[in-house]
């Protein structure tokens, strides 16, 4: 029973710390855009340099002896 004198204040303190971290995360913008990163993963943003791709195409068309 005496352990409750330690556990109850410790649990209240831990709950306050968790609440403060959550409020800080909300105010810093952690939860502003939840869907954007998921769409950015799926978006194809690979840009091919035209000079490099034309050089690769000319090399691949050569016949090796």
Protein backbone atom coordinates (compact mmCIF):
# COMPACT_ATOMS: atom_id res chain seq x y z
CA UNK A 1 0.00 0.00 0.00
CA UNK A 2 2.87 2.35 0.68
CA UNK A 3 4.13 1.93 -2.86
CA UNK A 4 1.07 3.87 -4.05
CA UNK A 5 2.59 7.01 -2.50
CA UNK A 6 5.34 6.68 -5.07
CA UNK A 7 3.42 5.31 -8.06
CA UNK A 8 0.55 7.80 -8.16
CA UNK A 9 2.70 10.96 -8.27
CA UNK A 10 5.09 9.26 -10.69
CA UNK A 11 2.24 8.34 -13.04
CA UNK A 12 0.78 11.87 -12.86
CA UNK A 13 4.20 13.34 -13.64
CA UNK A 14 4.67 10.96 -16.57
CA UNK A 15 1.21 11.83 -17.92
CA UNK A 16 2.06 15.53 -17.76
CA UNK A 17 5.35 14.99 -19.59
CA UNK A 18 3.60 13.01 -22.32
CA UNK A 19 0.94 15.71 -22.67
CA UNK A 20 3.59 18.44 -22.94
CA UNK A 21 5.49 16.52 -25.61
CA UNK A 22 2.25 16.00 -27.54
CA UNK A 23 1.33 19.70 -27.35
CA UNK A 24 4.85 20.64 -28.47
CA UNK A 25 4.56 18.29 -31.44
CA UNK A 26 1.22 19.79 -32.45
CA UNK A 27 2.50 23.38 -32.19
CA UNK A 28 5.67 22.61 -34.14
CA UNK A 29 3.65 21.29 -37.09
CA UNK A 30 4.29 17.57 -36.87
CA UNK A 31 0.68 16.72 -37.72
CA UNK A 32 -0.06 19.40 -40.34
CA UNK A 33 0.18 17.25 -43.47
CA UNK A 34 -0.32 13.55 -42.87
CA UNK A 35 -1.07 12.55 -46.48
CA UNK A 36 1.60 14.54 -48.32
CA UNK A 37 4.58 12.27 -47.55
CA UNK A 38 2.60 9.21 -48.65
CA UNK A 39 1.90 10.79 -52.04
CA UNK A 40 5.49 12.01 -52.40
CA UNK A 41 6.72 8.44 -52.13
CA UNK A 42 4.49 7.41 -55.01
CA UNK A 43 5.30 10.41 -57.22
CA UNK A 44 7.86 9.77 -59.94
CA UNK A 45 10.30 12.65 -59.74
CA UNK A 46 13.23 11.08 -61.57
CA UNK A 47 14.42 13.61 -64.10
CA UNK A 48 16.58 12.26 -66.89
CA UNK A 49 19.23 14.50 -68.39
CA UNK A 50 18.64 14.63 -72.17
CA UNK A 51 22.34 14.71 -73.05
CA UNK A 52 23.09 11.71 -70.88
CA UNK A 53 20.16 9.66 -72.19
CA UNK A 54 21.03 10.41 -75.84
CA UNK A 55 24.65 9.38 -75.24
CA UNK A 56 23.49 6.14 -73.63
CA UNK A 57 21.17 5.45 -76.56
CA UNK A 58 23.96 6.00 -79.11
CA UNK A 59 26.28 3.70 -77.13
CA UNK A 60 23.66 0.98 -76.92
CA UNK A 61 23.05 1.11 -80.68
CA UNK A 62 26.68 0.36 -81.50
CA UNK A 63 27.50 -3.17 -82.51
CA UNK A 64 30.23 -4.75 -80.49
CA UNK A 65 32.83 -6.63 -82.58
